[in-house]
Amino acid sequence: MGHPVERTSGEAAASDLPPGQRVQRGWPVTHYGPVPKFRPERWEFRVFGATADGEKRGWTHEEFTALPYATVVADLHCVTKFSMLGAEWGGVPARTILDLAPPAPEVTHVMVWAEYGFSSNLRLADFTAERTLFATHKDGELLTAEHGFPLRLVVPHLYAWKGPKWVRGVEYMTADRRGFWEERGYHNIGDPWKEQRYSYQEEPGDGPEL
């Protein structure tokens, strides 16, 4: 099955679902560990690692929310087999961060870091995809704390675990390494259209070199 055609409304057909998924009405809360307390005066979004100039970059919450705002209509596919279709996500495109804090030419992957040391690795091509977004809003309303406020990453073409809640920064990497769930048996890439759920399904080249 190929990837579905992008929709421009909240309506979607079950035929657009990746294999093994079911349509979910509403948005269940799924996460590991407690919901962090948001302290705006201490919050900072950081970009570090293999940056083009070798320097770190940071934004306060006020500075980050002042960055250019964009919206995308996209589905969310959870590895637990529910899919929420046609949501409107609002926030800062990942490409904006890349423009403001460019990676070095040799960067191939990023690690997205969140509260409590949670992490998720992505290929640079997935991070730079047009609809990859650091979301602050869903359907025109601020995210709730349970759903990732003040910031979560949305990567519509991958399973939802690849877009962490409560994001705090991005590390540019010149080689791949596994994030939190990837170290615990989940697939290193996580393409729902290929049903890449677990690490035992990985083929050569899907994961970091040992």
Protein backbone atom coordinates (compact mmCIF):
# COMPACT_ATOMS: atom_id res chain seq x y z
CA MET A 1 0.00 0.00 0.00
CA GLY A 2 1.30 3.44 -0.87
CA HIS A 3 1.20 6.56 1.26
CA PRO A 4 -2.17 8.32 1.34
CA VAL A 5 -2.88 11.53 -0.49
CA GLU A 6 -2.58 14.55 1.81
CA ARG A 7 -5.99 15.80 2.92
CA THR A 8 -7.10 19.35 3.50
CA SER A 9 -9.94 18.65 5.93
CA GLY A 10 -10.52 16.71 9.11
CA GLU A 11 -12.47 13.98 7.30
CA ALA A 12 -10.66 10.78 6.40
CA ALA A 13 -11.56 7.29 5.31
CA ALA A 14 -10.48 4.13 7.06
CA SER A 15 -8.95 3.04 3.73
CA ASP A 16 -6.23 5.65 4.39
CA LEU A 17 -5.01 3.69 7.42
CA PRO A 18 -1.62 2.00 7.48
CA PRO A 19 -1.76 -1.79 7.90
CA GLY A 20 -2.86 -3.00 11.32
CA GLN A 21 -4.28 0.38 12.43
CA ARG A 22 -7.81 1.31 13.51
CA VAL A 23 -9.53 4.70 13.54
CA GLN A 24 -9.62 6.34 16.95
CA ARG A 25 -12.30 8.86 17.89
CA GLY A 26 -10.72 11.26 20.32
CA TRP A 27 -7.13 11.34 21.45
CA PRO A 28 -6.01 8.82 24.10
CA VAL A 29 -3.24 9.81 26.48
CA THR A 30 -0.24 7.51 26.10
CA HIS A 31 3.19 8.14 27.55
CA TYR A 32 5.85 6.69 29.82
CA GLY A 33 6.40 8.22 33.25
CA PRO A 34 4.86 11.30 34.90
CA VAL A 35 3.71 14.49 33.21
CA PRO A 36 6.43 17.12 33.78
CA LYS A 37 5.64 20.45 35.40
CA PHE A 38 6.13 23.36 33.00
CA ARG A 39 8.26 26.19 34.40
CA PRO A 40 8.43 28.89 31.70
CA GLU A 41 11.23 30.81 33.40
CA ARG A 42 13.47 27.72 33.28
CA TRP A 43 12.40 26.30 29.93
CA GLU A 44 14.89 26.40 27.06
CA PHE A 45 14.98 24.77 23.63
CA ARG A 46 18.54 23.86 22.67
CA VAL A 47 20.27 22.81 19.46
CA PHE A 48 23.67 21.23 19.94
CA GLY A 49 26.00 18.54 18.62
CA ALA A 50 27.45 18.78 15.11
CA THR A 51 26.24 22.28 14.22
CA ALA A 52 27.69 24.02 11.17
CA ASP A 53 29.58 26.59 13.25
CA GLY A 54 30.32 24.33 16.20
CA GLU A 55 28.22 26.50 18.52
CA LYS A 56 25.13 25.68 20.57
CA ARG A 57 21.93 27.63 20.07
CA GLY A 58 19.11 28.20 22.54
CA TRP A 59 15.69 29.84 22.76
CA THR A 60 13.65 30.73 25.82
CA HIS A 61 9.98 29.81 25.78
CA GLU A 62 9.06 33.37 24.84
CA GLU A 63 11.62 33.42 22.03
CA PHE A 64 10.60 30.02 20.70
CA THR A 65 6.90 30.83 20.57
CA ALA A 66 7.76 34.02 18.65
CA LEU A 67 9.26 31.99 15.78
CA PRO A 68 7.25 31.74 12.53
CA TYR A 69 4.07 29.71 13.05
CA ALA A 70 2.74 27.19 10.54
CA THR A 71 -0.01 24.57 10.40
CA VAL A 72 -0.21 21.14 8.81
CA VAL A 73 -3.14 18.74 8.55
CA ALA A 74 -1.81 15.30 9.32
CA ASP A 75 -2.66 11.96 10.87
CA LEU A 76 -1.13 10.49 14.01
CA HIS A 77 -0.44 6.76 13.99
CA CYS A 78 0.33 5.17 17.35
CA VAL A 79 2.28 1.92 17.46
CA THR A 80 -0.43 0.61 19.83
CA LYS A 81 -2.54 0.43 16.63
CA PHE A 82 -4.84 3.44 16.89
CA SER A 83 -4.80 6.26 14.34
CA MET A 84 -6.19 9.77 14.77
CA LEU A 85 -6.96 11.16 11.36
CA GLY A 86 -7.01 14.67 9.94
CA ALA A 87 -5.77 16.72 12.92
CA GLU A 88 -4.53 20.26 12.37
CA TRP A 89 -1.18 20.79 14.06
CA GLY A 90 0.27 24.24 14.64
CA GLY A 91 3.77 25.24 15.64
CA VAL A 92 7.29 25.77 14.36
CA PRO A 93 8.43 23.74 11.33
CA ALA A 94 11.56 21.69 11.90
CA ARG A 95 13.00 23.32 8.79
CA THR A 96 12.86 26.67 10.57
CA ILE A 97 15.15 25.35 13.30
CA LEU A 98 17.49 23.93 10.67
CA ASP A 99 17.66 27.32 8.96
CA LEU A 100 18.37 29.15 12.22
CA ALA A 101 20.86 26.60 13.52
CA PRO A 102 22.23 24.72 10.48
CA PRO A 103 23.78 21.27 10.90
CA ALA A 104 27.28 20.45 9.72
CA PRO A 105 27.46 18.88 6.23
CA GLU A 106 28.29 15.46 7.65
CA VAL A 107 25.17 15.24 9.84
CA THR A 108 23.01 12.22 8.96
CA HIS A 109 20.68 11.90 11.97
CA VAL A 110 19.25 13.86 14.86
CA MET A 111 18.36 12.92 18.41
CA VAL A 112 15.30 14.74 19.72
CA TRP A 113 15.56 15.20 23.48
CA ALA A 114 12.65 15.64 25.85
CA GLU A 115 12.00 15.91 29.60
CA TYR A 116 13.42 13.24 31.94
CA GLY A 117 16.11 12.34 29.40
CA PHE A 118 13.64 10.80 26.95
CA SER A 119 14.98 10.68 23.39
CA SER A 120 14.05 9.64 19.87
CA ASN A 121 16.41 9.29 16.91
CA LEU A 122 15.47 10.30 13.37
CA ARG A 123 17.16 10.24 10.03
CA LEU A 124 17.94 13.78 8.91
CA ALA A 125 15.65 13.25 5.91
CA ASP A 126 12.73 12.51 8.26
CA PHE A 127 13.50 15.54 10.40
CA THR A 128 13.70 17.82 7.36
CA ALA A 129 10.46 16.53 5.84
CA GLU A 130 8.05 19.30 4.87
CA ARG A 131 5.41 18.40 7.48
CA THR A 132 7.70 17.67 10.44
CA LEU A 133 6.65 20.22 13.04
CA PHE A 134 7.39 21.23 16.63
CA ALA A 135 3.76 21.49 17.65
CA THR A 136 2.36 23.86 20.25
CA HIS A 137 -1.28 23.58 19.14
CA LYS A 138 -3.78 20.98 17.92
CA ASP A 139 -6.93 22.07 16.08
CA GLY A 140 -6.28 25.68 17.01
CA GLU A 141 -5.91 25.10 20.76
CA LEU A 142 -2.82 24.86 22.92
CA LEU A 143 -1.71 21.32 23.65
CA THR A 144 -2.64 20.05 27.07
CA ALA A 145 0.11 18.99 29.47
CA GLU A 146 -0.88 15.33 29.01
CA HIS A 147 -0.45 15.65 25.26
CA GLY A 148 2.94 17.34 25.37
CA PHE A 149 2.55 21.03 26.27
CA PRO A 150 4.50 23.18 25.77
CA LEU A 151 6.09 21.38 22.81
CA ARG A 152 5.91 18.05 21.04
CA LEU A 153 7.37 16.87 17.77
CA VAL A 154 4.98 15.69 15.05
CA VAL A 155 6.44 13.49 12.28
CA PRO A 156 3.30 12.48 10.38
CA HIS A 157 4.89 9.84 8.15
CA LEU A 158 6.30 7.85 11.11
CA TYR A 159 4.77 6.21 14.16
CA ALA A 160 3.92 8.71 16.88
CA TRP A 161 6.63 7.56 19.32
CA LYS A 162 9.19 9.08 16.93
CA GLY A 163 7.72 12.49 17.84
CA PRO A 164 8.28 12.90 21.60
CA LYS A 165 6.19 14.99 23.96
CA TRP A 166 7.74 17.74 26.14
CA VAL A 167 10.61 18.35 23.73
CA ARG A 168 13.58 20.37 24.99
CA GLY A 169 16.12 20.18 22.18
CA VAL A 170 17.77 18.59 19.17
CA GLU A 171 21.20 17.02 18.87
CA TYR A 172 22.80 16.85 15.42
CA MET A 173 24.63 13.56 14.89
CA THR A 174 27.11 12.31 12.31
CA ALA A 175 26.14 8.68 12.99
CA ASP A 176 22.92 7.03 14.11
CA ARG A 177 22.26 5.78 17.61
CA ARG A 178 19.07 4.50 19.16
CA GLY A 179 16.74 6.58 21.31
CA PHE A 180 14.73 5.58 24.38
CA TRP A 181 12.15 3.26 22.79
CA GLU A 182 14.52 2.09 20.07
CA GLU A 183 16.84 0.77 22.80
CA ARG A 184 13.87 -1.09 24.27
CA GLY A 185 12.89 -3.13 21.23
CA TYR A 186 11.09 -0.71 18.93
CA HIS A 187 12.01 -0.34 15.27
CA ASN A 188 14.77 2.14 14.54
CA ILE A 189 12.85 3.85 11.70
CA GLY A 190 9.15 3.35 12.51
CA ASP A 191 7.39 3.68 9.15
CA PRO A 192 3.71 2.75 9.74
CA TRP A 193 3.12 2.03 6.05
CA LYS A 194 5.76 -0.70 6.26
CA GLU A 195 4.46 -1.69 9.72
CA GLN A 196 7.92 -1.20 11.22
CA ARG A 197 6.95 -1.69 14.85
CA TYR A 198 9.73 -3.74 16.47
CA SER A 199 13.49 -4.11 16.18
CA TYR A 200 13.29 -7.78 15.17
CA GLN A 201 11.72 -6.56 11.91
CA GLU A 202 14.75 -4.47 11.00
CA GLU A 203 16.62 -5.19 7.82
CA PRO A 204 20.30 -4.44 7.14
CA GLY A 205 20.78 -0.69 7.08
CA ASP A 206 17.71 0.11 9.20
CA GLY A 207 19.65 0.49 12.44
CA PRO A 208 23.00 1.83 13.66
CA GLU A 209 26.11 -0.10 12.77
CA LEU A 210 27.30 -2.26 15.66
